[in-house]
Amino acid sequence: MTTLDEKLEPILTQVLQRNAGEPEFHQAVREVFESLGRVVAKHPDYLQDGLFERICEPERQIIFRVPWTDDKGQVHINRGFRVQFNSALGPYKGGIRFHPSVNLGIIKFLGFEQTFKNALTGMPIGGGKGGSDFNPRGRSDGEIMRFCQSFMTELHRHIGEYTDVPAGDIGVGGREIGYMFGQYKRLTNRYEAGVLTGKGLAYGGSRARKEATGYGATYFVQHMLGRKGTSFEGKRTVVSGSGNVAIYTIEKVHSFGGKVIACSDSSGYVVDEAGIDLELLKDVKEVRRARISDYAKARGKSATYVEGGCIWDVPCDVAMPSATQNELTGKDAQTLVKNGVIAVGEGANMPSTPDAVRVFQQAGVSFAPGKAANAGGVATSALEMQQNASRDSWTFDETEQRLSDIMRNIHDACADTAEMYGAPGDYVLGANITGFVRVADAMRALGVV
């Protein structure tokens, strides 16, 4: 892990003071800044025109009230957010998250990360993020619909295919995107298919979008393993989470010859030494929307459910944290290293704490940061935008091939940049520098705006 360059210290201090009480945002900014000392030393002109200060300040932050009525007629009030972080490369692009933990600091951290992640894809998209502290768990379809309609009633004023294009995130899947798109169409009287991505295939969605984040992370780690002369073949793999990202990470790992032997949800984790039964997991999580313990019950003797606990106690060759931010701590990383892990790929956004990343790097474990490894989702969202703009629809194989090419390009760009700046194998540094340079160069070209 690199230390902060002295020229960046006062800028970081100012950012932390201006954004008090937002630890996740502080963590994300510090993590990027720690990689940029080599850039500043080589290209001191990036310190001019307040570039670093501007790149840390969202272009727009929107907070709004979301009133809605439950099935019993009780009125509830939630808070909605949209942080339009940076549009130097294109319209703001980033997901919407519905989860009780959502607050402005978390949305800002996600938008900041999204800006560099989107730059890594090579697609013409800027960075943004949004969401609400609404908890969809246990709510009926009618309640979800009424909430989404209320949320979009305000959000629609701030989005559009040339302005800001939201997608899904935690708590927001195809159902929620459908309800929001329907309300947007109703309010604007326009069939503007490119305003949201992650849509259903029946109304402008892209094939392979649902699979893209998990598939993309697995492609990235496969390339990373290839640099070490190995692959997923025969590797014991642990994937945290059991939502969309985790499910399709498991599917792609299996297709590469690996065996995923554990996954989790917020209640605990399951170990299945025979390998996770993907069809059963999809039934439990995507159809029944049940708990991971139901997977163990249905699976029988080969599966063991552990309530609570830590999934990173399970010995593995490859770890794929795919649930939420800061889920993998320094202590967890030490356990994984002790148990022989050789590669870690972040399917979620910033799931590893700074201490965990430090442990992995000091131990020589190949580590793929989320802004690079999980960029496949937003890349395929941009492909969905392309299809919407051309009134076209591509096959699954064609879309997945494009995703595969994008992830290879992201991997190679990160690896080559790290080597160019004297840190071969440091994908964190490579991703941060590559993303920063692409955004910074565009911002400089556009002037002080």
Protein backbone atom coordinates (compact mmCIF):
# COMPACT_ATOMS: atom_id res chain seq x y z
CA MET A 1 0.00 0.00 0.00
CA THR A 2 1.33 3.44 -0.91
CA THR A 3 1.27 6.48 1.36
CA LEU A 4 -0.32 9.83 0.58
CA ASP A 5 1.81 12.30 -1.39
CA GLU A 6 2.53 15.47 0.61
CA LYS A 7 1.13 17.66 -2.20
CA LEU A 8 -2.22 15.88 -1.90
CA GLU A 9 -2.43 15.98 1.89
CA PRO A 10 -3.92 19.50 2.19
CA ILE A 11 -6.44 18.73 -0.56
CA LEU A 12 -7.56 15.55 1.20
CA THR A 13 -7.79 17.39 4.53
CA GLN A 14 -10.07 19.96 2.92
CA VAL A 15 -12.25 17.25 1.38
CA LEU A 16 -12.63 15.50 4.75
CA GLN A 17 -13.54 18.78 6.49
CA ARG A 18 -16.09 19.75 3.84
CA ASN A 19 -17.74 16.33 4.02
CA ALA A 20 -17.83 15.70 7.76
CA GLY A 21 -19.56 12.58 9.05
CA GLU A 22 -19.27 10.64 5.78
CA PRO A 23 -16.75 7.88 6.54
CA GLU A 24 -17.41 5.80 3.42
CA PHE A 25 -16.83 8.83 1.19
CA HIS A 26 -13.66 9.67 3.12
CA GLN A 27 -12.43 6.09 2.66
CA ALA A 28 -13.10 6.11 -1.09
CA VAL A 29 -11.35 9.45 -1.67
CA ARG A 30 -8.33 8.51 0.45
CA GLU A 31 -7.98 5.18 -1.36
CA VAL A 32 -7.83 6.92 -4.74
CA PHE A 33 -5.53 9.70 -3.54
CA GLU A 34 -3.04 7.18 -2.14
CA SER A 35 -2.52 5.91 -5.67
CA LEU A 36 -2.04 9.28 -7.32
CA GLY A 37 1.27 10.42 -5.83
CA ARG A 38 3.10 8.78 -8.74
CA VAL A 39 0.89 10.69 -11.19
CA VAL A 40 1.55 14.02 -9.45
CA ALA A 41 5.30 13.35 -9.43
CA LYS A 42 5.29 12.56 -13.15
CA HIS A 43 2.68 15.16 -14.22
CA PRO A 44 2.57 18.03 -11.67
CA ASP A 45 0.31 20.02 -14.00
CA TYR A 46 -2.64 17.94 -12.72
CA LEU A 47 -2.41 20.02 -9.53
CA GLN A 48 -3.43 23.15 -11.44
CA ASP A 49 -6.91 24.67 -11.85
CA GLY A 50 -8.27 23.02 -8.70
CA LEU A 51 -8.61 19.74 -10.58
CA PHE A 52 -8.34 17.47 -7.54
CA GLU A 53 -10.76 19.61 -5.56
CA ARG A 54 -13.27 19.62 -8.42
CA ILE A 55 -13.02 15.89 -9.01
CA CYS A 56 -14.01 15.30 -5.35
CA GLU A 57 -16.98 17.67 -5.42
CA PRO A 58 -20.22 16.34 -6.95
CA GLU A 59 -21.65 18.50 -9.69
CA ARG A 60 -25.09 18.17 -8.13
CA GLN A 61 -26.60 16.60 -4.99
CA ILE A 62 -30.35 16.08 -4.87
CA ILE A 63 -32.24 15.07 -1.70
CA PHE A 64 -36.00 14.71 -1.68
CA ARG A 65 -38.97 13.42 0.31
CA VAL A 66 -40.64 10.17 -0.79
CA PRO A 67 -44.13 9.73 0.74
CA TRP A 68 -45.97 6.48 0.08
CA THR A 69 -48.85 4.42 1.47
CA ASP A 70 -48.65 0.79 2.60
CA ASP A 71 -51.34 -1.86 2.08
CA LYS A 72 -53.05 -0.87 5.34
CA GLY A 73 -53.32 2.77 4.35
CA GLN A 74 -50.48 3.90 6.65
CA VAL A 75 -48.41 6.76 5.24
CA HIS A 76 -44.61 6.38 5.33
CA ILE A 77 -41.92 8.95 4.58
CA ASN A 78 -38.52 8.00 3.17
CA ARG A 79 -35.66 10.09 1.87
CA GLY A 80 -34.50 9.90 -1.74
CA PHE A 81 -31.06 10.79 -3.11
CA ARG A 82 -29.39 11.34 -6.46
CA VAL A 83 -25.77 12.47 -6.57
CA GLN A 84 -24.73 13.50 -10.07
CA PHE A 85 -21.00 13.32 -9.51
CA ASN A 86 -19.16 13.89 -12.77
CA SER A 87 -20.29 14.28 -16.38
CA ALA A 88 -16.93 15.01 -18.05
CA LEU A 89 -17.08 11.78 -20.06
CA GLY A 90 -20.82 11.59 -20.69
CA PRO A 91 -24.23 11.60 -18.98
CA TYR A 92 -24.24 10.58 -15.33
CA LYS A 93 -24.56 6.80 -15.03
CA GLY A 94 -24.99 4.71 -11.91
CA GLY A 95 -27.42 2.61 -9.94
CA ILE A 96 -30.23 3.26 -7.48
CA ARG A 97 -30.01 1.50 -4.10
CA PHE A 98 -32.96 0.82 -1.78
CA HIS A 99 -31.64 -0.14 1.65
CA PRO A 100 -32.08 1.16 5.23
CA SER A 101 -28.36 2.03 5.40
CA VAL A 102 -28.57 4.55 2.54
CA ASN A 103 -27.54 8.09 3.41
CA LEU A 104 -25.87 10.95 1.56
CA GLY A 105 -22.33 9.85 2.46
CA ILE A 106 -22.84 6.34 1.09
CA ILE A 107 -24.38 7.66 -2.13
CA LYS A 108 -21.46 10.09 -2.53
CA PHE A 109 -18.90 7.31 -2.03
CA LEU A 110 -20.70 5.18 -4.59
CA GLY A 111 -20.91 8.08 -7.07
CA PHE A 112 -17.22 8.88 -6.63
CA GLU A 113 -16.24 5.25 -7.24
CA GLN A 114 -18.68 5.07 -10.16
CA THR A 115 -16.98 7.99 -11.90
CA PHE A 116 -13.67 6.13 -12.18
CA LYS A 117 -15.28 2.74 -12.76
CA ASN A 118 -17.22 4.13 -15.72
CA ALA A 119 -14.06 5.71 -17.08
CA LEU A 120 -12.34 2.33 -16.99
CA THR A 121 -14.97 0.83 -19.29
CA GLY A 122 -13.91 3.14 -22.11
CA MET A 123 -17.58 3.99 -22.68
CA PRO A 124 -18.84 7.61 -22.90
CA ILE A 125 -20.52 7.70 -19.47
CA GLY A 126 -20.04 9.89 -16.42
CA GLY A 127 -20.57 8.92 -12.79
CA GLY A 128 -23.59 9.18 -10.50
CA LYS A 129 -25.51 7.21 -7.89
CA GLY A 130 -28.85 7.36 -6.12
CA GLY A 131 -31.18 5.59 -3.78
CA SER A 132 -33.35 5.72 -0.70
CA ASP A 133 -33.39 4.48 2.89
CA PHE A 134 -36.53 2.50 1.98
CA ASN A 135 -36.39 -1.19 2.95
CA PRO A 136 -38.09 -3.38 0.29
CA ARG A 137 -37.78 -6.56 2.36
CA GLY A 138 -41.17 -7.95 3.33
CA ARG A 139 -43.10 -5.43 1.27
CA SER A 140 -45.82 -6.49 -1.18
CA ASP A 141 -45.62 -5.84 -4.91
CA GLY A 142 -48.24 -3.11 -4.47
CA GLU A 143 -46.20 -1.37 -1.79
CA ILE A 144 -43.04 -1.60 -3.90
CA MET A 145 -44.91 -0.16 -6.87
CA ARG A 146 -46.33 2.77 -4.91
CA PHE A 147 -42.93 3.57 -3.43
CA CYS A 148 -41.20 3.41 -6.84
CA GLN A 149 -43.86 5.64 -8.38
CA SER A 150 -43.46 8.23 -5.63
CA PHE A 151 -39.66 8.06 -5.91
CA MET A 152 -39.78 8.59 -9.68
CA THR A 153 -42.31 11.43 -9.39
CA GLU A 154 -39.48 13.57 -8.04
CA LEU A 155 -36.49 11.90 -9.71
CA HIS A 156 -37.88 12.25 -13.24
CA ARG A 157 -37.15 15.99 -13.17
CA HIS A 158 -33.43 15.31 -12.97
CA ILE A 159 -32.80 12.42 -15.40
CA GLY A 160 -32.88 11.70 -19.13
CA GLU A 161 -30.92 9.73 -21.72
CA TYR A 162 -28.60 12.71 -22.36
CA THR A 163 -28.50 13.85 -18.71
CA ASP A 164 -28.53 11.03 -16.18
CA VAL A 165 -29.26 7.33 -16.73
CA PRO A 166 -29.92 5.37 -13.50
CA ALA A 167 -29.90 1.58 -13.18
CA GLY A 168 -30.42 -0.93 -10.38
CA ASP A 169 -28.30 -1.70 -7.32
CA ILE A 170 -28.94 -3.36 -3.95
CA GLY A 171 -32.71 -3.66 -3.45
CA VAL A 172 -33.49 -2.54 -7.00
CA GLY A 173 -33.96 -5.25 -9.61
CA GLY A 174 -36.08 -5.74 -12.70
CA ARG A 175 -39.36 -5.32 -10.80
CA GLU A 176 -38.38 -1.95 -9.37
CA ILE A 177 -36.87 -0.70 -12.64
CA GLY A 178 -40.14 -1.62 -14.39
CA TYR A 179 -42.27 0.34 -11.94
CA MET A 180 -39.96 3.37 -12.16
CA PHE A 181 -39.81 3.27 -15.96
CA GLY A 182 -43.61 3.04 -16.15
CA GLN A 183 -43.97 6.12 -13.93
CA TYR A 184 -41.34 8.04 -15.92
CA LYS A 185 -43.21 7.27 -19.15
CA ARG A 186 -46.49 8.30 -17.54
CA LEU A 187 -45.12 11.62 -16.26
CA THR A 188 -43.18 12.65 -19.38
CA ASN A 189 -45.47 11.20 -22.07
CA ARG A 190 -42.32 9.89 -23.80
CA TYR A 191 -41.09 6.37 -24.50
CA GLU A 192 -37.49 7.27 -23.72
CA ALA A 193 -36.03 3.77 -23.47
CA GLY A 194 -32.50 5.02 -22.78
CA VAL A 195 -33.40 6.81 -19.54
CA LEU A 196 -33.05 3.68 -17.37
CA THR A 197 -31.01 0.51 -17.81
CA GLY A 198 -31.56 -2.92 -16.36
CA LYS A 199 -34.97 -2.96 -18.01
CA GLY A 200 -36.88 -6.12 -18.88
CA LEU A 201 -36.34 -7.61 -22.33
CA ALA A 202 -39.98 -6.90 -23.21
CA TYR A 203 -39.47 -3.14 -23.06
CA GLY A 204 -35.94 -2.33 -24.17
CA GLY A 205 -33.63 -4.25 -21.87
CA SER A 206 -30.39 -5.90 -22.90
CA ARG A 207 -29.63 -9.58 -22.87
CA ALA A 208 -26.80 -10.46 -20.46
CA ARG A 209 -27.41 -7.35 -18.32
CA LYS A 210 -28.63 -9.39 -15.37
CA GLU A 211 -25.55 -11.58 -15.54
CA ALA A 212 -23.07 -8.83 -16.41
CA THR A 213 -21.64 -7.76 -13.04
CA GLY A 214 -21.00 -11.30 -11.82
CA TYR A 215 -19.78 -12.52 -15.19
CA GLY A 216 -17.55 -9.47 -15.59
CA ALA A 217 -15.92 -9.87 -12.17
CA THR A 218 -15.19 -13.50 -12.96
CA TYR A 219 -13.70 -12.62 -16.35
CA PHE A 220 -11.43 -10.06 -14.66
CA VAL A 221 -10.21 -12.54 -12.04
CA GLN A 222 -9.68 -15.19 -14.73
CA HIS A 223 -7.38 -12.76 -16.59
CA MET A 224 -5.66 -11.89 -13.31
CA LEU A 225 -5.08 -15.56 -12.56
CA GLY A 226 -3.79 -15.97 -16.10
CA ARG A 227 -1.01 -13.48 -15.34
CA LYS A 228 0.08 -15.90 -12.60
CA GLY A 229 0.00 -18.85 -14.96
CA THR A 230 -3.17 -20.41 -13.59
CA SER A 231 -6.99 -20.21 -13.88
CA PHE A 232 -10.24 -20.99 -12.04
CA GLU A 233 -9.94 -24.63 -13.06
CA GLY A 234 -10.16 -26.78 -9.91
CA LYS A 235 -10.11 -23.76 -7.57
CA ARG A 236 -12.20 -23.74 -4.37
CA THR A 237 -14.04 -20.42 -4.45
CA VAL A 238 -16.08 -18.54 -1.85
CA VAL A 239 -18.58 -15.90 -2.98
CA SER A 240 -20.21 -13.71 -0.35
CA GLY A 241 -23.81 -12.65 -0.90
CA SER A 242 -26.53 -14.49 -2.80
CA GLY A 243 -28.09 -11.71 -4.83
CA ASN A 244 -27.73 -10.95 -8.49
CA VAL A 245 -23.96 -10.35 -8.47
CA ALA A 246 -23.19 -13.44 -6.39
CA ILE A 247 -25.47 -15.77 -8.33
CA TYR A 248 -23.93 -14.96 -11.70
CA THR A 249 -20.42 -14.94 -10.31
CA ILE A 250 -21.09 -18.50 -9.15
CA GLU A 251 -22.48 -19.43 -12.58
CA LYS A 252 -19.43 -18.13 -14.44
CA VAL A 253 -16.90 -19.59 -11.97
CA HIS A 254 -18.50 -23.00 -12.52
CA SER A 255 -18.29 -22.55 -16.28
CA PHE A 256 -14.54 -21.88 -15.90
CA GLY A 257 -14.08 -25.15 -13.98
CA GLY A 258 -13.97 -23.72 -10.47
CA LYS A 259 -16.10 -24.91 -7.56
CA VAL A 260 -17.99 -22.38 -5.42
CA ILE A 261 -18.42 -24.00 -2.03
CA ALA A 262 -19.96 -21.18 0.02
CA CYS A 263 -22.27 -18.16 -0.29
CA SER A 264 -24.23 -16.04 2.18
CA ASP A 265 -26.88 -13.49 3.01
CA SER A 266 -27.39 -11.12 5.94
CA SER A 267 -28.58 -13.96 8.20
CA GLY A 268 -25.59 -16.30 7.76
CA TYR A 269 -23.78 -18.45 5.26
CA VAL A 270 -24.00 -21.92 3.75
CA VAL A 271 -21.12 -24.29 2.94
CA ASP A 272 -21.78 -26.89 0.26
CA GLU A 273 -18.72 -29.04 -0.36
CA ALA A 274 -20.37 -30.63 -3.38
CA GLY A 275 -20.51 -27.17 -4.96
CA ILE A 276 -23.36 -24.66 -4.79
CA ASP A 277 -26.42 -25.95 -6.67
CA LEU A 278 -27.08 -22.93 -8.85
CA GLU A 279 -30.61 -23.81 -9.92
CA LEU A 280 -31.66 -24.34 -6.32
CA LEU A 281 -30.02 -21.07 -5.28
CA LYS A 282 -31.83 -19.20 -8.05
CA ASP A 283 -35.13 -20.73 -6.96
CA VAL A 284 -34.54 -19.75 -3.32
CA LYS A 285 -33.31 -16.22 -4.01
CA GLU A 286 -34.80 -15.10 -7.32
CA VAL A 287 -38.15 -16.90 -7.26
CA ARG A 288 -39.07 -17.38 -3.60
CA ARG A 289 -37.00 -14.44 -2.29
CA ALA A 290 -36.22 -16.61 0.74
CA ARG A 291 -33.25 -16.85 3.12
CA ILE A 292 -30.03 -18.75 2.49
CA SER A 293 -31.00 -21.14 5.29
CA ASP A 294 -33.79 -22.42 3.01
CA TYR A 295 -31.12 -23.42 0.49
CA ALA A 296 -29.45 -25.60 3.14
CA LYS A 297 -32.75 -27.19 4.13
CA ALA A 298 -33.60 -28.05 0.54
CA ARG A 299 -30.09 -29.18 -0.37
CA GLY A 300 -29.83 -31.83 2.32
CA LYS A 301 -26.74 -33.43 3.81
CA SER A 302 -24.12 -31.83 1.55
CA ALA A 303 -24.91 -28.31 2.80
CA THR A 304 -24.29 -26.81 6.23
CA TYR A 305 -25.90 -23.55 7.32
CA VAL A 306 -24.05 -21.31 9.77
CA GLU A 307 -26.16 -18.61 11.35
CA GLY A 308 -24.25 -15.34 11.64
CA GLY A 309 -20.55 -16.12 11.65
CA CYS A 310 -18.10 -15.10 8.96
CA ILE A 311 -18.02 -16.64 5.50
CA TRP A 312 -14.32 -15.76 5.17
CA ASP A 313 -13.51 -18.47 7.73
CA VAL A 314 -14.18 -20.99 4.95
CA PRO A 315 -10.83 -22.04 3.36
CA CYS A 316 -10.62 -21.25 -0.35
CA ASP A 317 -8.27 -20.50 -3.23
CA VAL A 318 -10.27 -17.56 -4.58
CA ALA A 319 -12.49 -15.14 -2.63
CA MET A 320 -15.14 -13.02 -4.35
CA PRO A 321 -16.74 -10.53 -1.91
CA SER A 322 -20.02 -9.69 -3.64
CA ALA A 323 -22.38 -8.43 -0.94
CA THR A 324 -21.77 -4.90 0.35
CA GLN A 325 -19.16 -2.31 1.38
CA ASN A 326 -16.59 -3.07 4.09
CA GLU A 327 -17.76 -6.66 4.59
CA LEU A 328 -14.24 -8.10 4.51
CA THR A 329 -12.02 -6.80 7.33
CA GLY A 330 -8.29 -6.97 8.00
CA LYS A 331 -8.88 -9.88 10.37
CA ASP A 332 -10.87 -11.70 7.69
CA ALA A 333 -8.07 -11.08 5.19
CA GLN A 334 -5.52 -12.58 7.59
CA THR A 335 -7.72 -15.67 7.90
CA LEU A 336 -8.00 -16.01 4.14
CA VAL A 337 -4.25 -15.62 3.67
CA LYS A 338 -3.56 -18.17 6.40
CA ASN A 339 -5.91 -20.58 4.63
CA GLY A 340 -4.11 -20.20 1.30
CA VAL A 341 -6.13 -17.73 -0.77
CA ILE A 342 -4.28 -16.69 -3.95
CA ALA A 343 -6.72 -14.20 -5.51
CA VAL A 344 -9.50 -11.86 -4.41
CA GLY A 345 -11.97 -10.19 -6.79
CA GLU A 346 -14.40 -7.55 -5.57
CA GLY A 347 -17.88 -8.07 -7.02
CA ALA A 348 -19.40 -5.48 -4.67
CA ASN A 349 -18.44 -1.82 -4.29
CA MET A 350 -15.53 -1.38 -1.84
CA PRO A 351 -16.28 -4.61 0.08
CA SER A 352 -12.73 -4.85 1.48
CA THR A 353 -11.57 -2.45 4.18
CA PRO A 354 -8.24 -0.64 3.70
CA ASP A 355 -6.68 -2.97 6.29
CA ALA A 356 -7.86 -5.99 4.30
CA VAL A 357 -6.41 -4.65 1.06
CA ARG A 358 -3.12 -4.00 2.83
CA VAL A 359 -3.00 -7.58 4.14
CA PHE A 360 -3.65 -9.03 0.69
CA GLN A 361 -1.04 -6.89 -1.02
CA GLN A 362 1.63 -7.54 1.60
CA ALA A 363 0.97 -11.28 1.28
CA GLY A 364 1.31 -11.20 -2.52
CA VAL A 365 -2.35 -12.12 -3.09
CA SER A 366 -3.66 -10.91 -6.46
CA PHE A 367 -6.34 -8.33 -5.63
CA ALA A 368 -8.92 -6.95 -8.07
CA PRO A 369 -10.57 -3.74 -6.78
CA GLY A 370 -14.28 -3.26 -7.34
CA LYS A 371 -14.01 -0.22 -9.58
CA ALA A 372 -12.26 -2.46 -12.11
CA ALA A 373 -13.55 -5.96 -11.38
CA ASN A 374 -17.25 -5.17 -11.12
CA ALA A 375 -17.38 -2.69 -14.00
CA GLY A 376 -19.07 -5.27 -16.24
CA GLY A 377 -22.51 -4.28 -14.99
CA VAL A 378 -22.28 -0.63 -15.94
CA ALA A 379 -20.46 -1.51 -19.16
CA THR A 380 -23.40 -3.67 -20.22
CA SER A 381 -25.76 -0.89 -19.15
CA ALA A 382 -23.92 1.33 -21.63
CA LEU A 383 -24.38 -1.40 -24.24
CA GLU A 384 -28.11 -1.34 -23.40
CA MET A 385 -28.06 2.43 -24.03
CA GLN A 386 -26.46 1.76 -27.42
CA GLN A 387 -29.17 -0.72 -28.33
CA ASN A 388 -31.91 1.69 -27.22
CA ALA A 389 -30.38 4.54 -29.24
CA SER A 390 -30.23 2.43 -32.41
CA ARG A 391 -33.61 0.72 -31.81
CA ASP A 392 -31.76 -2.59 -31.91
CA SER A 393 -31.51 -5.74 -29.82
CA TRP A 394 -28.44 -7.95 -29.73
CA THR A 395 -28.22 -11.66 -28.99
CA PHE A 396 -26.99 -12.92 -25.63
CA ASP A 397 -23.80 -14.28 -27.17
CA GLU A 398 -23.04 -11.01 -28.98
CA THR A 399 -23.57 -8.98 -25.82
CA GLU A 400 -21.53 -11.35 -23.66
CA GLN A 401 -18.68 -11.27 -26.18
CA ARG A 402 -18.62 -7.48 -25.96
CA LEU A 403 -18.64 -7.74 -22.16
CA SER A 404 -15.75 -10.22 -22.28
CA ASP A 405 -13.74 -7.87 -24.53
CA ILE A 406 -14.42 -4.89 -22.25
CA MET A 407 -13.31 -6.77 -19.14
CA ARG A 408 -10.13 -7.94 -20.86
CA ASN A 409 -9.40 -4.35 -21.87
CA ILE A 410 -10.02 -3.10 -18.33
CA HIS A 411 -7.75 -5.78 -16.88
CA ASP A 412 -4.98 -5.07 -19.37
CA ALA A 413 -5.23 -1.30 -18.88
CA CYS A 414 -4.95 -1.67 -15.09
CA ALA A 415 -2.06 -4.14 -15.33
CA ASP A 416 -0.17 -2.08 -17.92
CA THR A 417 -0.66 1.20 -16.03
CA ALA A 418 0.58 -0.35 -12.79
CA GLU A 419 3.68 -1.56 -14.59
CA MET A 420 4.19 1.82 -16.27
CA TYR A 421 4.14 3.55 -12.88
CA GLY A 422 6.56 1.12 -11.28
CA ALA A 423 4.13 -1.10 -9.37
CA PRO A 424 3.64 -4.30 -11.41
CA GLY A 425 0.75 -6.43 -10.21
CA ASP A 426 -0.85 -3.60 -8.18
CA TYR A 427 -4.33 -3.52 -9.69
CA VAL A 428 -5.55 -0.97 -7.13
CA LEU A 429 -2.96 1.55 -8.27
CA GLY A 430 -3.48 0.64 -11.92
CA ALA A 431 -7.26 1.07 -11.73
CA ASN A 432 -7.11 4.33 -9.81
CA ILE A 433 -4.53 5.95 -12.08
CA THR A 434 -6.19 4.78 -15.31
CA GLY A 435 -9.63 6.00 -14.22
CA PHE A 436 -8.30 9.28 -12.84
CA VAL A 437 -6.29 10.19 -15.93
CA ARG A 438 -9.23 9.55 -18.26
CA VAL A 439 -11.59 11.71 -16.19
CA ALA A 440 -9.01 14.40 -15.42
CA ASP A 441 -7.97 14.83 -19.05
CA ALA A 442 -11.61 15.30 -20.08
CA MET A 443 -12.19 17.81 -17.27
CA ARG A 444 -9.14 19.83 -18.27
CA ALA A 445 -10.29 19.91 -21.89
CA LEU A 446 -13.70 21.29 -20.84
CA GLY A 447 -12.27 24.13 -18.78
CA VAL A 448 -13.08 25.16 -15.21
CA VAL A 449 -16.74 24.17 -15.06
